[in-house]
Amino acid sequence: MDTWRKLAPVDVSMPDINKASSKTETMGALSDGPAWQAAAAAGFDMSLIELNLAKTPWERLQDHDEALAFASLLQEAMQKRDAKT
């Protein structure tokens, strides 16, 4: 039995954000879409998506690098803690 065939189809097409003249218009186009509305209705925190989409790709890469550095520090701290016991 194919249970996936019983699910209702969801329109996940993206609006043409290349035609938007500003980030505000781009966010408006995205937030009006059915996939965005479905995610918000399901309880996803869409403000985090909006915050990250407002950043440039370079800013998002910098954030990623900072998160990796923090994760590395946490891993080192756990290894030091575990070595003491």
C-alpha atoms as a PDB file:
ATOM      1  CA  MET A   1       0.000   0.000   0.000  1.00  0.00           C
ATOM      2  CA  ASP A   2       1.414   3.385  -1.003  1.00  0.00           C
ATOM      3  CA  THR A   3       0.501   5.696   1.870  1.00  0.00           C
ATOM      4  CA  TRP A   4       2.294   8.660   0.330  1.00  0.00           C
ATOM      5  CA  ARG A   5      -0.285   8.748  -2.450  1.00  0.00           C
ATOM      6  CA  LYS A   6      -3.015   9.484   0.106  1.00  0.00           C
ATOM      7  CA  LEU A   7      -1.451  12.809   1.118  1.00  0.00           C
ATOM      8  CA  ALA A   8      -2.979  15.962  -0.262  1.00  0.00           C
ATOM      9  CA  PRO A   9      -0.752  17.709  -2.784  1.00  0.00           C
ATOM     10  CA  VAL A  10       0.839  20.972  -1.685  1.00  0.00           C
ATOM     11  CA  ASP A  11       1.795  23.715  -4.104  1.00  0.00           C
ATOM     12  CA  VAL A  12       5.458  24.414  -3.396  1.00  0.00           C
ATOM     13  CA  SER A  13       6.115  26.588  -6.406  1.00  0.00           C
ATOM     14  CA  MET A  14       8.227  29.606  -5.652  1.00  0.00           C
ATOM     15  CA  PRO A  15       7.272  33.119  -6.718  1.00  0.00           C
ATOM     16  CA  ASP A  16       9.619  34.823  -9.159  1.00  0.00           C
ATOM     17  CA  ILE A  17      11.722  36.726  -6.624  1.00  0.00           C
ATOM     18  CA  ASN A  18      14.044  37.994  -9.345  1.00  0.00           C
ATOM     19  CA  LYS A  19      11.350  40.446 -10.416  1.00  0.00           C
ATOM     20  CA  ALA A  20      11.083  41.956  -6.921  1.00  0.00           C
ATOM     21  CA  SER A  21      12.675  45.370  -6.614  1.00  0.00           C
ATOM     22  CA  SER A  22      13.515  45.119  -2.926  1.00  0.00           C
ATOM     23  CA  LYS A  23      14.029  42.659  -0.091  1.00  0.00           C
ATOM     24  CA  THR A  24      10.662  43.724   1.329  1.00  0.00           C
ATOM     25  CA  GLU A  25       8.913  42.767  -1.899  1.00  0.00           C
ATOM     26  CA  THR A  26      10.821  39.474  -1.976  1.00  0.00           C
ATOM     27  CA  MET A  27       9.770  38.623   1.577  1.00  0.00           C
ATOM     28  CA  GLY A  28       6.191  39.577   0.783  1.00  0.00           C
ATOM     29  CA  ALA A  29       6.214  37.313  -2.247  1.00  0.00           C
ATOM     30  CA  LEU A  30       7.605  34.412  -0.234  1.00  0.00           C
ATOM     31  CA  SER A  31       5.370  34.871   2.804  1.00  0.00           C
ATOM     32  CA  ASP A  32       2.249  34.902   0.652  1.00  0.00           C
ATOM     33  CA  GLY A  33       3.007  31.473  -0.801  1.00  0.00           C
ATOM     34  CA  PRO A  34       1.099  28.354   0.242  1.00  0.00           C
ATOM     35  CA  ALA A  35       4.218  26.499   1.423  1.00  0.00           C
ATOM     36  CA  TRP A  36       5.134  29.448   3.672  1.00  0.00           C
ATOM     37  CA  GLN A  37       1.608  29.639   5.063  1.00  0.00           C
ATOM     38  CA  ALA A  38       1.514  25.879   5.650  1.00  0.00           C
ATOM     39  CA  ALA A  39       4.813  25.985   7.543  1.00  0.00           C
ATOM     40  CA  ALA A  40       3.606  28.894   9.682  1.00  0.00           C
ATOM     41  CA  ALA A  41       0.328  27.089  10.394  1.00  0.00           C
ATOM     42  CA  ALA A  42       2.304  23.985  11.414  1.00  0.00           C
ATOM     43  CA  GLY A  43       4.094  26.032  14.062  1.00  0.00           C
ATOM     44  CA  PHE A  44       7.423  26.782  12.403  1.00  0.00           C
ATOM     45  CA  ASP A  45       9.057  30.031  13.545  1.00  0.00           C
ATOM     46  CA  MET A  46       9.083  31.860  10.228  1.00  0.00           C
ATOM     47  CA  SER A  47      10.703  34.933  11.797  1.00  0.00           C
ATOM     48  CA  LEU A  48      14.002  33.011  11.789  1.00  0.00           C
ATOM     49  CA  ILE A  49      13.628  32.371   8.075  1.00  0.00           C
ATOM     50  CA  GLU A  50      12.806  36.031   7.472  1.00  0.00           C
ATOM     51  CA  LEU A  51      15.819  37.118   9.514  1.00  0.00           C
ATOM     52  CA  ASN A  52      18.193  34.900   7.544  1.00  0.00           C
ATOM     53  CA  LEU A  53      16.718  35.733   4.148  1.00  0.00           C
ATOM     54  CA  ALA A  54      17.250  39.417   4.908  1.00  0.00           C
ATOM     55  CA  LYS A  55      21.006  38.725   5.145  1.00  0.00           C
ATOM     56  CA  THR A  56      23.375  38.550   2.233  1.00  0.00           C
ATOM     57  CA  PRO A  57      24.824  35.139   1.342  1.00  0.00           C
ATOM     58  CA  TRP A  58      28.162  36.333   2.747  1.00  0.00           C
ATOM     59  CA  GLU A  59      26.539  37.234   6.091  1.00  0.00           C
ATOM     60  CA  ARG A  60      24.898  33.808   6.238  1.00  0.00           C
ATOM     61  CA  LEU A  61      28.259  32.128   5.571  1.00  0.00           C
ATOM     62  CA  GLN A  62      29.855  34.166   8.359  1.00  0.00           C
ATOM     63  CA  ASP A  63      27.077  33.110  10.738  1.00  0.00           C
ATOM     64  CA  HIS A  64      27.666  29.497   9.729  1.00  0.00           C
ATOM     65  CA  ASP A  65      31.404  29.784  10.381  1.00  0.00           C
ATOM     66  CA  GLU A  66      30.734  31.283  13.818  1.00  0.00           C
ATOM     67  CA  ALA A  67      28.334  28.448  14.655  1.00  0.00           C
ATOM     68  CA  LEU A  68      30.915  25.849  13.568  1.00  0.00           C
ATOM     69  CA  ALA A  69      33.591  27.520  15.712  1.00  0.00           C
ATOM     70  CA  PHE A  70      31.244  27.486  18.704  1.00  0.00           C
ATOM     71  CA  ALA A  71      30.394  23.813  18.142  1.00  0.00           C
ATOM     72  CA  SER A  72      34.118  23.031  17.979  1.00  0.00           C
ATOM     73  CA  LEU A  73      34.694  24.819  21.297  1.00  0.00           C
ATOM     74  CA  LEU A  74      31.884  22.836  22.901  1.00  0.00           C
ATOM     75  CA  GLN A  75      33.298  19.579  21.565  1.00  0.00           C
ATOM     76  CA  GLU A  76      36.766  20.401  22.930  1.00  0.00           C
ATOM     77  CA  ALA A  77      35.300  21.281  26.326  1.00  0.00           C
ATOM     78  CA  MET A  78      33.420  17.969  26.462  1.00  0.00           C
ATOM     79  CA  GLN A  79      36.577  16.066  25.536  1.00  0.00           C
ATOM     80  CA  LYS A  80      38.535  17.806  28.315  1.00  0.00           C
ATOM     81  CA  ARG A  81      35.775  17.083  30.782  1.00  0.00           C
ATOM     82  CA  ASP A  82      35.602  13.443  29.787  1.00  0.00           C
ATOM     83  CA  ALA A  83      39.400  13.072  29.984  1.00  0.00           C
ATOM     84  CA  LYS A  84      39.358  14.104  33.657  1.00  0.00           C
ATOM     85  CA  THR A  85      37.064  11.243  34.637  1.00  0.00           C
END
